[in-house]
Protein backbone atom coordinates (compact mmCIF):
# COMPACT_ATOMS: atom_id res chain seq x y z
CA UNK A 1 -73.49 -27.74 -7.56
CA UNK A 2 -75.94 -26.14 -10.21
CA UNK A 3 -75.79 -22.69 -10.96
CA UNK A 4 -78.75 -21.93 -8.72
CA UNK A 5 -76.50 -22.69 -6.09
CA UNK A 6 -73.14 -21.43 -6.77
CA UNK A 7 -75.47 -18.01 -7.65
CA UNK A 8 -76.59 -17.91 -4.00
CA UNK A 9 -73.01 -18.85 -2.77
CA UNK A 10 -71.35 -15.81 -4.16
CA UNK A 11 -74.47 -13.65 -3.22
CA UNK A 12 -74.13 -14.76 0.93
CA UNK A 13 -70.31 -15.19 0.07
CA UNK A 14 -70.84 -11.67 -0.95
CA UNK A 15 -72.81 -9.59 0.94
CA UNK A 16 -70.53 -11.38 4.46
CA UNK A 17 -67.38 -10.29 3.03
CA UNK A 18 -69.00 -6.91 2.21
CA UNK A 19 -70.87 -6.87 5.85
CA UNK A 20 -67.34 -6.90 7.74
CA UNK A 21 -69.13 -9.65 9.48
CA UNK A 22 -66.60 -12.15 10.99
CA UNK A 23 -68.39 -15.03 12.04
CA UNK A 24 -70.51 -14.48 8.78
CA UNK A 25 -67.46 -15.54 6.43
CA UNK A 26 -66.71 -18.27 7.84
CA UNK A 27 -69.99 -19.33 8.49
CA UNK A 28 -69.22 -20.83 4.52
CA UNK A 29 -66.29 -23.07 5.87
CA UNK A 30 -65.94 -26.52 7.95
CA UNK A 31 -63.34 -26.70 10.92
CA UNK A 32 -60.30 -28.26 8.38
CA UNK A 33 -60.93 -26.24 5.50
CA UNK A 34 -58.05 -25.62 3.97
CA UNK A 35 -56.84 -22.03 1.99
CA UNK A 36 -54.25 -20.73 -0.40
CA UNK A 37 -53.41 -16.80 -0.96
CA UNK A 38 -50.63 -15.33 -2.10
CA UNK A 39 -51.68 -12.36 0.78
CA UNK A 40 -51.41 -14.94 2.86
CA UNK A 41 -47.59 -15.16 2.99
CA UNK A 42 -48.05 -11.36 3.10
CA UNK A 43 -50.11 -11.33 6.24
CA UNK A 44 -48.82 -14.71 7.77
CA UNK A 45 -45.74 -14.92 6.60
CA UNK A 46 -44.64 -18.67 8.33
CA UNK A 47 -48.14 -19.31 6.46
CA UNK A 48 -45.99 -19.44 3.16
CA UNK A 49 -49.52 -19.31 1.25
CA UNK A 50 -51.46 -21.49 3.30
CA UNK A 51 -54.27 -21.33 6.32
CA UNK A 52 -55.35 -24.41 8.07
CA UNK A 53 -58.00 -24.55 10.15
CA UNK A 54 -61.25 -22.59 10.99
CA UNK A 55 -59.49 -21.27 14.06
CA UNK A 56 -56.43 -20.22 12.30
CA UNK A 57 -58.37 -18.92 9.25
CA UNK A 58 -60.80 -16.25 11.28
CA UNK A 59 -56.97 -14.83 12.90
CA UNK A 60 -56.27 -14.12 9.44
CA UNK A 61 -59.25 -12.86 7.74
CA UNK A 62 -58.98 -11.20 10.96
CA UNK A 63 -56.11 -8.82 10.32
CA UNK A 64 -56.65 -8.66 6.88
CA UNK A 65 -60.14 -6.88 7.59
CA UNK A 66 -58.02 -4.39 9.55
CA UNK A 67 -54.91 -3.26 7.09
CA UNK A 68 -57.50 -3.13 4.48
CA UNK A 69 -61.31 -1.64 6.22
CA UNK A 70 -62.16 -0.28 3.38
CA UNK A 71 -62.27 -3.36 1.96
CA UNK A 72 -64.99 -3.72 -0.57
CA UNK A 73 -65.73 -7.52 -3.17
CA UNK A 74 -68.38 -6.37 -6.29
CA UNK A 75 -68.34 -9.76 -7.91
CA UNK A 76 -68.31 -10.51 -11.84
CA UNK A 77 -68.81 -14.07 -12.89
CA UNK A 78 -69.89 -17.36 -10.89
CA UNK A 79 -68.82 -20.38 -12.35
CA UNK A 80 -70.61 -23.67 -12.08
CA UNK A 81 -67.98 -27.26 -10.95
CA UNK A 82 -69.32 -30.73 -9.70
CA UNK A 83 -68.38 -29.52 -6.33
CA UNK A 84 -66.60 -26.76 -6.67
CA UNK A 85 -67.53 -22.54 -7.60
CA UNK A 86 -64.66 -20.15 -9.12
CA UNK A 87 -65.82 -16.20 -8.26
CA UNK A 88 -64.13 -13.79 -9.29
CA UNK A 89 -64.82 -10.70 -8.36
CA UNK A 90 -62.80 -7.30 -7.68
CA UNK A 91 -61.53 -5.75 -5.42
CA UNK A 92 -61.51 -2.04 -3.55
CA UNK A 93 -58.86 -1.55 -5.41
CA UNK A 94 -59.74 -2.64 -9.03
CA UNK A 95 -57.97 -5.71 -8.91
CA UNK A 96 -59.40 -8.85 -10.30
CA UNK A 97 -59.15 -12.58 -8.26
CA UNK A 98 -61.18 -15.43 -8.86
CA UNK A 99 -61.62 -17.98 -5.59
CA UNK A 100 -61.82 -21.38 -6.42
CA UNK A 101 -64.48 -23.37 -3.13
CA UNK A 102 -64.49 -27.19 -3.39
CA UNK A 103 -67.44 -28.44 -1.19
CA UNK A 104 -68.18 -30.56 0.65
CA UNK A 105 -71.99 -30.87 0.89
CA UNK A 106 -72.32 -27.00 1.68
CA UNK A 107 -69.58 -26.32 3.28
CA UNK A 108 -66.16 -25.15 1.63
CA UNK A 109 -63.36 -27.89 2.98
CA UNK A 110 -60.72 -26.57 0.19
CA UNK A 111 -60.39 -22.73 -1.70
CA UNK A 112 -57.44 -21.11 -3.64
CA UNK A 113 -56.83 -17.12 -4.09
CA UNK A 114 -54.90 -16.18 -7.28
CA UNK A 115 -54.79 -12.84 -8.24
CA UNK A 116 -54.51 -10.32 -11.41
CA UNK A 117 -51.45 -8.13 -12.04
CA UNK A 118 -53.61 -6.22 -13.69
CA UNK A 119 -55.49 -3.44 -12.41
CA UNK A 120 -59.01 -3.19 -13.81
CA UNK A 121 -61.12 0.08 -14.36
CA UNK A 122 -60.92 3.33 -14.99
CA UNK A 123 -57.34 3.90 -16.34
């Protein structure tokens, strides 16, 4: 992964999320993706925070978009690894989030969302 590819991916990723277009969001992921998030434990308690497969990920995010209609992300930074990208963004609540995304080719095969406990912005 090079810097330009990572930045292009992050731009497409945030545009997809901010459009709330679930199919567009899911187009960045493999069919057998594994995604972990503390938010998944609240939306899908039976998941234990781990969602396996694109279909299940779609169900999780469909419910998340329903519960958070004002969802909006602003990218704060993009960090490049060998087969990984970390997208640091601020969500609609002003909370900082990092998503660590591992790639197989051009698609994300594994992801982890991590949340900062502090709200940033106007304080």
